[in-house]
Amino acid sequence: MAQLIKMQDYVSRYEQDIYRYPTQFARLKKQQWDKLKTAYNAGELDRLYSEHTESETQIKFDPPQEESKGLFKKVKGIFRRTGKQDAEELLIPNQIEDLNVFSLRFPSRPASLDDLKQNFLNQLLRFQMKWGSSTLREKSFVDQSFFLDERLRFFLQRFPDTFLILYKPIFLLKNAPVEVEVILLTPVDAWCITFLEAEEDAAFIGSSERFWVRRHHKRPDKKVLNPMLGANRMTNIVSRLFELYEVNMPIKKVILSRNGYVDYPEAPYDISILDKRTFPEWFERMRAISSPLKAQQLKGAQALLEYCQTTSSLRPEWEAEYNQTEGNEHAAP
């Protein structure tokens, strides 16, 4: 499962420490899947179950609620006893981050290991969305459409853990917000991906003009905005930030049509066009990348996150604590 390090302007814990969270996520995922698989193969899956209703089963890996509350109080104590800057660094110790790792609900008991794995991945998706829109202290209000977004699910569930995704991030450049589509950071290169999809088997006629033509055997021809405009803008942003932060990583520019065809014989040399004919081979090649996370990949992610817009709110349980700490600071002689 690829990792969602940024989604629109939502706060992300990856922004806090890009060098820590990707490896932590992969570790937590592996731990929980190994636990589930071992229990299933040993016929001991029921031992992990906590029945709620006849049709719903939940597997919990959380510590008892009392322990969770105790750790939360401990963290608030750290916040109270330290200065504001020091507290920011101590707010998310490992034991707190491990709370509420995964909570799985199945509509029925898994019929096979593959069924168990698919349920695991489906609900891990929501966990990854949570990591991509919150921290221990802050959260963003995620539009519910993202939980049903097929393209986002495609990237998160079909690629390796070492792939980092920025999905429709909003960059702030010279105080002007610019939203782009998808930036995929693999261990070896960066892909700037622009979607060009409509009905199944739609054909797009490319040109250097502002508009392309979409053709379909059941619909009249329609003009669509030239996807090169967005692809070039996104690539320019990534290129400028990589240069600024001295990131040595190849940047690939892609127009992607998984269910249709693109006809653009005079396409610029620096663009890859992936349509129904060429996408499957590229997809399998990408999935086969087994390289671990790389230093330049994480450095590139940090460079991009530095310029992403973020809008968030303090969690209610932290807001009172934060206000109290601020008041004590102002009252100090």
C-alpha atoms as a PDB file:
ATOM      1  CA  MET A   1       0.000   0.000   0.000  1.00  0.00           C
ATOM      2  CA  ALA A   2       1.478   3.332  -1.086  1.00  0.00           C
ATOM      3  CA  GLN A   3       1.604   6.040   1.562  1.00  0.00           C
ATOM      4  CA  LEU A   4      -0.505   9.193   1.393  1.00  0.00           C
ATOM      5  CA  ILE A   5       1.846  11.921   2.565  1.00  0.00           C
ATOM      6  CA  LYS A   6      -0.334  14.840   1.448  1.00  0.00           C
ATOM      7  CA  MET A   7      -3.935  15.283   0.334  1.00  0.00           C
ATOM      8  CA  GLN A   8      -5.100  18.719  -0.803  1.00  0.00           C
ATOM      9  CA  ASP A   9      -4.483  21.169   2.082  1.00  0.00           C
ATOM     10  CA  TYR A  10      -5.107  18.657   4.887  1.00  0.00           C
ATOM     11  CA  VAL A  11      -2.614  18.424   7.727  1.00  0.00           C
ATOM     12  CA  SER A  12      -0.398  15.342   7.551  1.00  0.00           C
ATOM     13  CA  ARG A  13       1.882  13.763  10.137  1.00  0.00           C
ATOM     14  CA  TYR A  14       4.364  13.171   7.315  1.00  0.00           C
ATOM     15  CA  GLU A  15       4.881  16.933   7.271  1.00  0.00           C
ATOM     16  CA  GLN A  16       6.196  16.700  10.830  1.00  0.00           C
ATOM     17  CA  ASP A  17       8.855  14.095  10.121  1.00  0.00           C
ATOM     18  CA  ILE A  18       9.096  12.596   6.652  1.00  0.00           C
ATOM     19  CA  TYR A  19      12.111  10.555   7.722  1.00  0.00           C
ATOM     20  CA  ARG A  20      10.193   8.752  10.464  1.00  0.00           C
ATOM     21  CA  TYR A  21       6.622   8.084   9.446  1.00  0.00           C
ATOM     22  CA  PRO A  22       7.072   6.156   6.165  1.00  0.00           C
ATOM     23  CA  THR A  23       9.147   3.471   7.890  1.00  0.00           C
ATOM     24  CA  GLN A  24       6.834   3.465  10.908  1.00  0.00           C
ATOM     25  CA  PHE A  25       3.759   2.914   8.741  1.00  0.00           C
ATOM     26  CA  ALA A  26       5.384   0.018   6.896  1.00  0.00           C
ATOM     27  CA  ARG A  27       6.416  -1.525  10.224  1.00  0.00           C
ATOM     28  CA  LEU A  28       2.945  -1.201  11.767  1.00  0.00           C
ATOM     29  CA  LYS A  29       1.284  -2.606   8.673  1.00  0.00           C
ATOM     30  CA  LYS A  30       3.595  -5.622   8.587  1.00  0.00           C
ATOM     31  CA  GLN A  31       3.173  -6.295  12.313  1.00  0.00           C
ATOM     32  CA  GLN A  32      -0.612  -6.320  12.130  1.00  0.00           C
ATOM     33  CA  TRP A  33      -0.825  -8.348   8.934  1.00  0.00           C
ATOM     34  CA  ASP A  34       1.633 -10.948  10.280  1.00  0.00           C
ATOM     35  CA  LYS A  35      -0.459 -11.204  13.435  1.00  0.00           C
ATOM     36  CA  LEU A  36      -3.666 -11.716  11.457  1.00  0.00           C
ATOM     37  CA  LYS A  37      -2.140 -14.193   9.007  1.00  0.00           C
ATOM     38  CA  THR A  38      -0.513 -16.264  11.751  1.00  0.00           C
ATOM     39  CA  ALA A  39      -3.781 -16.456  13.673  1.00  0.00           C
ATOM     40  CA  TYR A  40      -5.701 -17.403  10.529  1.00  0.00           C
ATOM     41  CA  ASN A  41      -3.246 -20.140   9.502  1.00  0.00           C
ATOM     42  CA  ALA A  42      -3.262 -21.553  13.034  1.00  0.00           C
ATOM     43  CA  GLY A  43      -7.057 -21.556  13.167  1.00  0.00           C
ATOM     44  CA  GLU A  44      -6.943 -19.077  16.045  1.00  0.00           C
ATOM     45  CA  LEU A  45      -8.535 -16.051  14.402  1.00  0.00           C
ATOM     46  CA  ASP A  46     -11.462 -16.244  16.831  1.00  0.00           C
ATOM     47  CA  ARG A  47      -9.025 -15.436  19.625  1.00  0.00           C
ATOM     48  CA  LEU A  48      -8.672 -11.921  18.169  1.00  0.00           C
ATOM     49  CA  TYR A  49     -12.379 -11.416  17.698  1.00  0.00           C
ATOM     50  CA  SER A  50     -14.579  -9.322  19.906  1.00  0.00           C
ATOM     51  CA  GLU A  51     -18.208  -9.935  18.922  1.00  0.00           C
ATOM     52  CA  HIS A  52     -20.540  -6.938  18.568  1.00  0.00           C
ATOM     53  CA  THR A  53     -23.429  -8.323  16.543  1.00  0.00           C
ATOM     54  CA  GLU A  54     -24.029 -11.482  14.591  1.00  0.00           C
ATOM     55  CA  SER A  55     -23.077  -9.767  11.348  1.00  0.00           C
ATOM     56  CA  GLU A  56     -20.180  -7.645  12.527  1.00  0.00           C
ATOM     57  CA  THR A  57     -16.814  -8.724  13.858  1.00  0.00           C
ATOM     58  CA  GLN A  58     -14.065  -6.498  15.149  1.00  0.00           C
ATOM     59  CA  ILE A  59     -10.407  -7.213  15.675  1.00  0.00           C
ATOM     60  CA  LYS A  60      -8.746  -4.816  18.070  1.00  0.00           C
ATOM     61  CA  PHE A  61      -5.082  -4.220  18.594  1.00  0.00           C
ATOM     62  CA  ASP A  62      -5.553  -1.300  20.971  1.00  0.00           C
ATOM     63  CA  PRO A  63      -4.378  -1.331  24.594  1.00  0.00           C
ATOM     64  CA  PRO A  64      -7.154  -1.076  27.236  1.00  0.00           C
ATOM     65  CA  GLN A  65      -8.952   2.243  27.357  1.00  0.00           C
ATOM     66  CA  GLU A  66      -7.570   2.993  30.820  1.00  0.00           C
ATOM     67  CA  GLU A  67      -4.004   2.566  29.536  1.00  0.00           C
ATOM     68  CA  SER A  68      -4.762   4.811  26.587  1.00  0.00           C
ATOM     69  CA  LYS A  69      -6.106   7.525  28.886  1.00  0.00           C
ATOM     70  CA  GLY A  70      -3.053   7.219  31.122  1.00  0.00           C
ATOM     71  CA  LEU A  71      -0.662   7.697  28.226  1.00  0.00           C
ATOM     72  CA  PHE A  72      -2.688  10.634  26.953  1.00  0.00           C
ATOM     73  CA  LYS A  73      -2.452  12.313  30.373  1.00  0.00           C
ATOM     74  CA  LYS A  74       1.284  11.678  30.368  1.00  0.00           C
ATOM     75  CA  VAL A  75       1.663  13.470  27.040  1.00  0.00           C
ATOM     76  CA  LYS A  76      -0.435  16.391  28.264  1.00  0.00           C
ATOM     77  CA  GLY A  77       1.838  16.529  31.297  1.00  0.00           C
ATOM     78  CA  ILE A  78       4.843  16.808  29.012  1.00  0.00           C
ATOM     79  CA  PHE A  79       3.132  19.660  27.192  1.00  0.00           C
ATOM     80  CA  ARG A  80       2.426  21.397  30.504  1.00  0.00           C
ATOM     81  CA  ARG A  81       5.937  21.028  31.912  1.00  0.00           C
ATOM     82  CA  THR A  82       7.971  21.973  28.856  1.00  0.00           C
ATOM     83  CA  GLY A  83       8.333  25.066  26.739  1.00  0.00           C
ATOM     84  CA  LYS A  84       6.149  25.343  23.653  1.00  0.00           C
ATOM     85  CA  GLN A  85       8.915  24.502  21.164  1.00  0.00           C
ATOM     86  CA  ASP A  86      10.149  21.520  23.188  1.00  0.00           C
ATOM     87  CA  ALA A  87       6.604  20.291  23.647  1.00  0.00           C
ATOM     88  CA  GLU A  88       6.057  20.236  19.900  1.00  0.00           C
ATOM     89  CA  GLU A  89       8.926  17.762  19.572  1.00  0.00           C
ATOM     90  CA  LEU A  90       7.696  15.551  22.427  1.00  0.00           C
ATOM     91  CA  LEU A  91       3.996  15.463  21.626  1.00  0.00           C
ATOM     92  CA  ILE A  92       4.102  12.234  19.665  1.00  0.00           C
ATOM     93  CA  PRO A  93       6.184   9.609  21.466  1.00  0.00           C
ATOM     94  CA  ASN A  94       6.199   6.092  19.994  1.00  0.00           C
ATOM     95  CA  GLN A  95       3.902   4.568  22.598  1.00  0.00           C
ATOM     96  CA  ILE A  96       1.188   7.143  21.850  1.00  0.00           C
ATOM     97  CA  GLU A  97       1.502   6.703  18.103  1.00  0.00           C
ATOM     98  CA  ASP A  98       0.907   2.985  18.451  1.00  0.00           C
ATOM     99  CA  LEU A  99      -2.543   3.470  19.985  1.00  0.00           C
ATOM    100  CA  ASN A 100      -5.524   2.745  17.747  1.00  0.00           C
ATOM    101  CA  VAL A 101      -3.266   1.263  15.111  1.00  0.00           C
ATOM    102  CA  PHE A 102      -5.879  -0.781  13.322  1.00  0.00           C
ATOM    103  CA  SER A 103      -9.474  -1.584  14.177  1.00  0.00           C
ATOM    104  CA  LEU A 104     -10.960  -4.029  11.684  1.00  0.00           C
ATOM    105  CA  ARG A 105     -14.637  -4.744  11.149  1.00  0.00           C
ATOM    106  CA  PHE A 106     -15.678  -7.538   8.823  1.00  0.00           C
ATOM    107  CA  PRO A 107     -19.233  -8.044   7.479  1.00  0.00           C
ATOM    108  CA  SER A 108     -18.634 -11.796   7.926  1.00  0.00           C
ATOM    109  CA  ARG A 109     -15.808 -14.100   8.897  1.00  0.00           C
ATOM    110  CA  PRO A 110     -13.177 -14.274   6.110  1.00  0.00           C
ATOM    111  CA  ALA A 111     -13.706 -17.308   3.878  1.00  0.00           C
ATOM    112  CA  SER A 112     -10.071 -17.437   2.752  1.00  0.00           C
ATOM    113  CA  LEU A 113      -6.689 -15.843   3.327  1.00  0.00           C
ATOM    114  CA  ASP A 114      -7.216 -13.698   0.216  1.00  0.00           C
ATOM    115  CA  ASP A 115     -10.560 -12.534   1.627  1.00  0.00           C
ATOM    116  CA  LEU A 116      -8.880 -11.674   4.910  1.00  0.00           C
ATOM    117  CA  LYS A 117      -6.143  -9.745   3.083  1.00  0.00           C
ATOM    118  CA  GLN A 118      -8.597  -7.736   0.979  1.00  0.00           C
ATOM    119  CA  ASN A 119     -10.615  -6.760   4.062  1.00  0.00           C
ATOM    120  CA  PHE A 120      -7.394  -5.799   5.780  1.00  0.00           C
ATOM    121  CA  LEU A 121      -6.306  -3.586   2.873  1.00  0.00           C
ATOM    122  CA  ASN A 122      -9.736  -1.964   2.517  1.00  0.00           C
ATOM    123  CA  GLN A 123      -9.767  -0.848   6.121  1.00  0.00           C
ATOM    124  CA  LEU A 124      -6.093  -0.022   6.134  1.00  0.00           C
ATOM    125  CA  LEU A 125      -7.015   2.510   3.460  1.00  0.00           C
ATOM    126  CA  ARG A 126      -9.071   4.463   5.994  1.00  0.00           C
ATOM    127  CA  PHE A 127      -6.215   4.290   8.462  1.00  0.00           C
ATOM    128  CA  GLN A 128      -3.834   5.692   5.847  1.00  0.00           C
ATOM    129  CA  MET A 129      -6.331   8.469   5.084  1.00  0.00           C
ATOM    130  CA  LYS A 130      -6.350   9.268   8.805  1.00  0.00           C
ATOM    131  CA  TRP A 131      -2.567   9.540   8.847  1.00  0.00           C
ATOM    132  CA  GLY A 132      -2.765  11.767   5.768  1.00  0.00           C
ATOM    133  CA  SER A 133      -5.214  14.199   7.381  1.00  0.00           C
ATOM    134  CA  SER A 134      -4.302  14.408  11.073  1.00  0.00           C
ATOM    135  CA  THR A 135      -1.632  14.490  13.752  1.00  0.00           C
ATOM    136  CA  LEU A 136      -1.908  13.776  17.452  1.00  0.00           C
ATOM    137  CA  ARG A 137      -2.791  17.443  18.100  1.00  0.00           C
ATOM    138  CA  GLU A 138      -4.402  18.574  14.847  1.00  0.00           C
ATOM    139  CA  LYS A 139      -6.919  17.336  12.328  1.00  0.00           C
ATOM    140  CA  SER A 140      -8.435  18.432   9.058  1.00  0.00           C
ATOM    141  CA  PHE A 141     -12.024  17.900   8.017  1.00  0.00           C
ATOM    142  CA  VAL A 142     -11.812  15.524   5.075  1.00  0.00           C
ATOM    143  CA  ASP A 143     -14.392  15.740   2.320  1.00  0.00           C
ATOM    144  CA  GLN A 144     -16.171  12.372   2.337  1.00  0.00           C
ATOM    145  CA  SER A 145     -15.784  12.096  -1.422  1.00  0.00           C
ATOM    146  CA  PHE A 146     -12.126  11.199  -0.917  1.00  0.00           C
ATOM    147  CA  PHE A 147     -13.117   7.955   0.823  1.00  0.00           C
ATOM    148  CA  LEU A 148     -14.936   6.950  -2.381  1.00  0.00           C
ATOM    149  CA  ASP A 149     -12.338   8.340  -4.781  1.00  0.00           C
ATOM    150  CA  GLU A 150     -11.429   5.473  -7.146  1.00  0.00           C
ATOM    151  CA  ARG A 151      -8.226   7.119  -8.318  1.00  0.00           C
ATOM    152  CA  LEU A 152      -6.956   7.662  -4.806  1.00  0.00           C
ATOM    153  CA  ARG A 153      -7.814   4.075  -3.875  1.00  0.00           C
ATOM    154  CA  PHE A 154      -5.995   2.894  -7.015  1.00  0.00           C
ATOM    155  CA  PHE A 155      -2.744   4.574  -5.986  1.00  0.00           C
ATOM    156  CA  LEU A 156      -2.909   3.621  -2.329  1.00  0.00           C
ATOM    157  CA  GLN A 157      -3.897  -0.031  -2.724  1.00  0.00           C
ATOM    158  CA  ARG A 158      -2.063  -1.067  -5.873  1.00  0.00           C
ATOM    159  CA  PHE A 159       1.473   0.187  -5.299  1.00  0.00           C
ATOM    160  CA  PRO A 160       4.250  -0.756  -2.832  1.00  0.00           C
ATOM    161  CA  ASP A 161       4.678   0.711   0.666  1.00  0.00           C
ATOM    162  CA  THR A 162       7.796   2.546  -0.511  1.00  0.00           C
ATOM    163  CA  PHE A 163       5.801   4.761  -2.895  1.00  0.00           C
ATOM    164  CA  LEU A 164       4.822   8.179  -1.502  1.00  0.00           C
ATOM    165  CA  ILE A 165       1.726   9.965  -2.836  1.00  0.00           C
ATOM    166  CA  LEU A 166       0.778  13.636  -2.923  1.00  0.00           C
ATOM    167  CA  TYR A 167      -2.853  13.660  -4.067  1.00  0.00           C
ATOM    168  CA  LYS A 168      -4.190  16.947  -5.413  1.00  0.00           C
ATOM    169  CA  PRO A 169      -1.793  18.951  -3.201  1.00  0.00           C
ATOM    170  CA  ILE A 170      -2.084  22.741  -3.095  1.00  0.00           C
ATOM    171  CA  PHE A 171       1.241  24.530  -3.377  1.00  0.00           C
ATOM    172  CA  LEU A 172       1.801  28.063  -2.122  1.00  0.00           C
ATOM    173  CA  LEU A 173       4.171  29.807  -4.493  1.00  0.00           C
ATOM    174  CA  LYS A 174       4.600  33.563  -4.129  1.00  0.00           C
ATOM    175  CA  ASN A 175       1.457  33.509  -1.934  1.00  0.00           C
ATOM    176  CA  ALA A 176      -0.614  32.101  -4.790  1.00  0.00           C
ATOM    177  CA  PRO A 177      -2.248  28.678  -4.222  1.00  0.00           C
ATOM    178  CA  VAL A 178      -1.810  26.219  -7.082  1.00  0.00           C
ATOM    179  CA  GLU A 179      -3.564  22.823  -7.035  1.00  0.00           C
ATOM    180  CA  VAL A 180      -2.034  20.027  -9.068  1.00  0.00           C
ATOM    181  CA  GLU A 181      -3.087  16.407  -9.630  1.00  0.00           C
ATOM    182  CA  VAL A 182      -0.900  13.496  -8.516  1.00  0.00           C
ATOM    183  CA  ILE A 183       2.779  13.358  -7.605  1.00  0.00           C
ATOM    184  CA  LEU A 184       4.122   9.846  -7.117  1.00  0.00           C
ATOM    185  CA  LEU A 185       7.544   9.540  -5.480  1.00  0.00           C
ATOM    186  CA  THR A 186       9.122   6.131  -5.973  1.00  0.00           C
ATOM    187  CA  PRO A 187      12.551   5.204  -4.574  1.00  0.00           C
ATOM    188  CA  VAL A 188      14.094   5.937  -7.976  1.00  0.00           C
ATOM    189  CA  ASP A 189      12.099   8.756  -9.603  1.00  0.00           C
ATOM    190  CA  ALA A 190       9.237  11.249  -9.329  1.00  0.00           C
ATOM    191  CA  TRP A 191       6.133  10.969 -11.515  1.00  0.00           C
ATOM    192  CA  CYS A 192       3.885  13.956 -12.226  1.00  0.00           C
ATOM    193  CA  ILE A 193       0.621  12.365 -13.342  1.00  0.00           C
ATOM    194  CA  THR A 194      -2.294  14.051 -15.094  1.00  0.00           C
ATOM    195  CA  PHE A 195      -5.451  12.005 -15.662  1.00  0.00           C
ATOM    196  CA  LEU A 196      -7.299  12.059 -18.960  1.00  0.00           C
ATOM    197  CA  GLU A 197     -10.233   9.699 -18.540  1.00  0.00           C
ATOM    198  CA  ALA A 198     -13.870   9.636 -19.604  1.00  0.00           C
ATOM    199  CA  GLU A 199     -16.118   6.824 -20.846  1.00  0.00           C
ATOM    200  CA  GLU A 200     -14.693   3.364 -21.491  1.00  0.00           C
ATOM    201  CA  ASP A 201     -12.810   3.301 -24.823  1.00  0.00           C
ATOM    202  CA  ALA A 202     -13.011   7.055 -25.318  1.00  0.00           C
ATOM    203  CA  ALA A 203     -10.349   8.371 -27.692  1.00  0.00           C
ATOM    204  CA  PHE A 204      -8.531  11.672 -27.227  1.00  0.00           C
ATOM    205  CA  ILE A 205      -6.989  13.483 -30.185  1.00  0.00           C
ATOM    206  CA  GLY A 206      -3.965  15.451 -28.990  1.00  0.00           C
ATOM    207  CA  SER A 207      -2.453  18.634 -30.383  1.00  0.00           C
ATOM    208  CA  SER A 208      -0.545  21.722 -29.306  1.00  0.00           C
ATOM    209  CA  GLU A 209      -3.795  23.720 -29.213  1.00  0.00           C
ATOM    210  CA  ARG A 210      -5.523  24.779 -25.989  1.00  0.00           C
ATOM    211  CA  PHE A 211      -8.197  22.115 -26.443  1.00  0.00           C
ATOM    212  CA  TRP A 212      -8.098  18.461 -27.439  1.00  0.00           C
ATOM    213  CA  VAL A 213     -10.999  16.476 -28.879  1.00  0.00           C
ATOM    214  CA  ARG A 214     -12.650  13.555 -27.099  1.00  0.00           C
ATOM    215  CA  ARG A 215     -14.372  11.048 -29.352  1.00  0.00           C
ATOM    216  CA  HIS A 216     -16.632   8.159 -28.428  1.00  0.00           C
ATOM    217  CA  HIS A 217     -18.727   5.860 -30.608  1.00  0.00           C
ATOM    218  CA  LYS A 218     -21.858   6.523 -28.541  1.00  0.00           C
ATOM    219  CA  ARG A 219     -21.434  10.242 -27.928  1.00  0.00           C
ATOM    220  CA  PRO A 220     -20.808  13.388 -29.974  1.00  0.00           C
ATOM    221  CA  ASP A 221     -17.304  14.838 -30.099  1.00  0.00           C
ATOM    222  CA  LYS A 222     -16.387  17.109 -27.208  1.00  0.00           C
ATOM    223  CA  LYS A 223     -13.575  19.557 -26.533  1.00  0.00           C
ATOM    224  CA  VAL A 224     -11.458  18.981 -23.410  1.00  0.00           C
ATOM    225  CA  LEU A 225      -8.762  21.204 -21.972  1.00  0.00           C
ATOM    226  CA  ASN A 226      -5.290  20.247 -23.146  1.00  0.00           C
ATOM    227  CA  PRO A 227      -3.881  18.102 -20.276  1.00  0.00           C
ATOM    228  CA  MET A 228      -0.367  19.234 -21.171  1.00  0.00           C
ATOM    229  CA  LEU A 229      -1.123  22.570 -19.499  1.00  0.00           C
ATOM    230  CA  GLY A 230      -1.618  21.009 -16.076  1.00  0.00           C
ATOM    231  CA  ALA A 231       1.163  18.465 -16.587  1.00  0.00           C
ATOM    232  CA  ASN A 232       3.681  21.186 -17.479  1.00  0.00           C
ATOM    233  CA  ARG A 233       2.655  23.360 -14.532  1.00  0.00           C
ATOM    234  CA  MET A 234       3.010  20.469 -12.085  1.00  0.00           C
ATOM    235  CA  THR A 235       6.376  19.390 -13.496  1.00  0.00           C
ATOM    236  CA  ASN A 236       7.706  22.943 -13.349  1.00  0.00           C
ATOM    237  CA  ILE A 237       6.765  23.228  -9.666  1.00  0.00           C
ATOM    238  CA  VAL A 238       8.425  19.927  -8.762  1.00  0.00           C
ATOM    239  CA  SER A 239      11.514  20.774 -10.822  1.00  0.00           C
ATOM    240  CA  ARG A 240      11.928  24.193  -9.190  1.00  0.00           C
ATOM    241  CA  LEU A 241      11.573  22.807  -5.656  1.00  0.00           C
ATOM    242  CA  PHE A 242      13.949  19.919  -6.333  1.00  0.00           C
ATOM    243  CA  GLU A 243      16.502  22.388  -7.673  1.00  0.00           C
ATOM    244  CA  LEU A 244      16.016  24.671  -4.665  1.00  0.00           C
ATOM    245  CA  TYR A 245      16.595  21.822  -2.205  1.00  0.00           C
ATOM    246  CA  GLU A 246      19.261  20.111  -4.331  1.00  0.00           C
ATOM    247  CA  VAL A 247      17.240  16.941  -4.814  1.00  0.00           C
ATOM    248  CA  ASN A 248      18.892  14.657  -7.341  1.00  0.00           C
ATOM    249  CA  MET A 249      15.961  12.670  -8.674  1.00  0.00           C
ATOM    250  CA  PRO A 250      14.621  12.168 -12.230  1.00  0.00           C
ATOM    251  CA  ILE A 251      11.204  13.734 -12.890  1.00  0.00           C
ATOM    252  CA  LYS A 252       8.783  12.015 -15.269  1.00  0.00           C
ATOM    253  CA  LYS A 253       5.745  13.709 -16.809  1.00  0.00           C
ATOM    254  CA  VAL A 254       2.735  11.507 -17.591  1.00  0.00           C
ATOM    255  CA  ILE A 255      -0.697  11.771 -19.147  1.00  0.00           C
ATOM    256  CA  LEU A 256      -2.669   8.754 -17.951  1.00  0.00           C
ATOM    257  CA  SER A 257      -5.770   7.241 -19.555  1.00  0.00           C
ATOM    258  CA  ARG A 258      -6.366   3.763 -18.103  1.00  0.00           C
ATOM    259  CA  ASN A 259      -9.658   3.121 -19.873  1.00  0.00           C
ATOM    260  CA  GLY A 260      -9.226   5.009 -23.154  1.00  0.00           C
ATOM    261  CA  TYR A 261      -6.872   5.861 -25.973  1.00  0.00           C
ATOM    262  CA  VAL A 262      -4.702   8.886 -26.728  1.00  0.00           C
ATOM    263  CA  ASP A 263      -3.657   9.732 -30.271  1.00  0.00           C
ATOM    264  CA  TYR A 264      -0.900  12.348 -30.267  1.00  0.00           C
ATOM    265  CA  PRO A 265       1.762  11.482 -32.867  1.00  0.00           C
ATOM    266  CA  GLU A 266       3.638  14.770 -32.361  1.00  0.00           C
ATOM    267  CA  ALA A 267       3.790  14.588 -28.568  1.00  0.00           C
ATOM    268  CA  PRO A 268       6.799  16.360 -26.999  1.00  0.00           C
ATOM    269  CA  TYR A 269       9.748  14.101 -26.215  1.00  0.00           C
ATOM    270  CA  ASP A 270       9.537  14.763 -22.450  1.00  0.00           C
ATOM    271  CA  ILE A 271       5.999  13.418 -21.976  1.00  0.00           C
ATOM    272  CA  SER A 272       4.938   9.805 -21.440  1.00  0.00           C
ATOM    273  CA  ILE A 273       1.446   8.970 -22.665  1.00  0.00           C
ATOM    274  CA  LEU A 274      -0.040   5.915 -20.986  1.00  0.00           C
ATOM    275  CA  ASP A 275      -3.354   4.708 -22.363  1.00  0.00           C
ATOM    276  CA  LYS A 276      -5.215   1.406 -22.513  1.00  0.00           C
ATOM    277  CA  ARG A 277      -2.498  -0.037 -24.769  1.00  0.00           C
ATOM    278  CA  THR A 278       0.574   0.951 -22.774  1.00  0.00           C
ATOM    279  CA  PHE A 279      -0.685   1.355 -19.210  1.00  0.00           C
ATOM    280  CA  PRO A 280      -0.716  -2.368 -18.157  1.00  0.00           C
ATOM    281  CA  GLU A 281       3.003  -2.854 -18.899  1.00  0.00           C
ATOM    282  CA  TRP A 282       3.946   0.354 -17.059  1.00  0.00           C
ATOM    283  CA  PHE A 283       1.736  -0.606 -14.120  1.00  0.00           C
ATOM    284  CA  GLU A 284       3.331  -4.032 -13.701  1.00  0.00           C
ATOM    285  CA  ARG A 285       6.807  -2.556 -14.034  1.00  0.00           C
ATOM    286  CA  MET A 286       6.075  -0.041 -11.299  1.00  0.00           C
ATOM    287  CA  ARG A 287       4.607  -2.671  -8.971  1.00  0.00           C
ATOM    288  CA  ALA A 288       7.736  -4.773  -9.431  1.00  0.00           C
ATOM    289  CA  ILE A 289       9.997  -2.072  -7.943  1.00  0.00           C
ATOM    290  CA  SER A 290      11.327  -3.618  -4.743  1.00  0.00           C
ATOM    291  CA  SER A 291      13.817  -0.957  -3.750  1.00  0.00           C
ATOM    292  CA  PRO A 292      13.565   0.360  -0.167  1.00  0.00           C
ATOM    293  CA  LEU A 293      12.941   4.004   0.661  1.00  0.00           C
ATOM    294  CA  LYS A 294      15.839   6.168  -0.496  1.00  0.00           C
ATOM    295  CA  ALA A 295      17.394   9.301   0.983  1.00  0.00           C
ATOM    296  CA  GLN A 296      16.787  11.390  -2.164  1.00  0.00           C
ATOM    297  CA  GLN A 297      13.168  10.251  -2.260  1.00  0.00           C
ATOM    298  CA  LEU A 298      12.570  11.428   1.309  1.00  0.00           C
ATOM    299  CA  LYS A 299      14.499  14.637   0.671  1.00  0.00           C
ATOM    300  CA  GLY A 300      12.312  15.278  -2.369  1.00  0.00           C
ATOM    301  CA  ALA A 301       9.165  14.631  -0.344  1.00  0.00           C
ATOM    302  CA  GLN A 302      10.317  17.077   2.321  1.00  0.00           C
ATOM    303  CA  ALA A 303      11.014  19.739  -0.319  1.00  0.00           C
ATOM    304  CA  LEU A 304       7.496  19.412  -1.732  1.00  0.00           C
ATOM    305  CA  LEU A 305       5.790  19.329   1.672  1.00  0.00           C
ATOM    306  CA  GLU A 306       7.577  22.533   2.719  1.00  0.00           C
ATOM    307  CA  TYR A 307       5.615  24.451   0.088  1.00  0.00           C
ATOM    308  CA  CYS A 308       2.250  22.728   0.460  1.00  0.00           C
ATOM    309  CA  GLN A 309      -0.656  24.651   1.946  1.00  0.00           C
ATOM    310  CA  THR A 310      -2.067  23.239   5.180  1.00  0.00           C
ATOM    311  CA  THR A 311      -5.354  24.036   6.916  1.00  0.00           C
ATOM    312  CA  SER A 312      -6.159  22.335  10.205  1.00  0.00           C
ATOM    313  CA  SER A 313      -7.712  22.704  13.650  1.00  0.00           C
ATOM    314  CA  LEU A 314      -6.558  21.693  17.098  1.00  0.00           C
ATOM    315  CA  ARG A 315      -8.280  18.576  18.331  1.00  0.00           C
ATOM    316  CA  PRO A 316     -10.863  19.499  21.018  1.00  0.00           C
ATOM    317  CA  GLU A 317      -9.037  17.471  23.669  1.00  0.00           C
ATOM    318  CA  TRP A 318      -5.874  19.514  23.033  1.00  0.00           C
ATOM    319  CA  GLU A 319      -7.407  22.962  22.535  1.00  0.00           C
ATOM    320  CA  ALA A 320      -8.103  23.599  26.220  1.00  0.00           C
ATOM    321  CA  GLU A 321      -4.654  22.323  27.157  1.00  0.00           C
ATOM    322  CA  TYR A 322      -3.022  24.566  24.550  1.00  0.00           C
ATOM    323  CA  ASN A 323      -4.965  27.630  25.697  1.00  0.00           C
ATOM    324  CA  GLN A 324      -4.056  26.943  29.320  1.00  0.00           C
ATOM    325  CA  THR A 325      -0.369  26.612  28.441  1.00  0.00           C
ATOM    326  CA  GLU A 326      -0.453  29.812  26.417  1.00  0.00           C
ATOM    327  CA  GLY A 327      -2.126  31.617  29.335  1.00  0.00           C
ATOM    328  CA  ASN A 328       0.537  30.423  31.768  1.00  0.00           C
ATOM    329  CA  GLU A 329       3.282  31.639  29.432  1.00  0.00           C
ATOM    330  CA  HIS A 330       1.755  35.110  29.191  1.00  0.00           C
ATOM    331  CA  ALA A 331       1.221  35.284  32.963  1.00  0.00           C
ATOM    332  CA  ALA A 332       4.848  34.426  33.757  1.00  0.00           C
ATOM    333  CA  PRO A 333       6.897  37.383  35.098  1.00  0.00           C
END
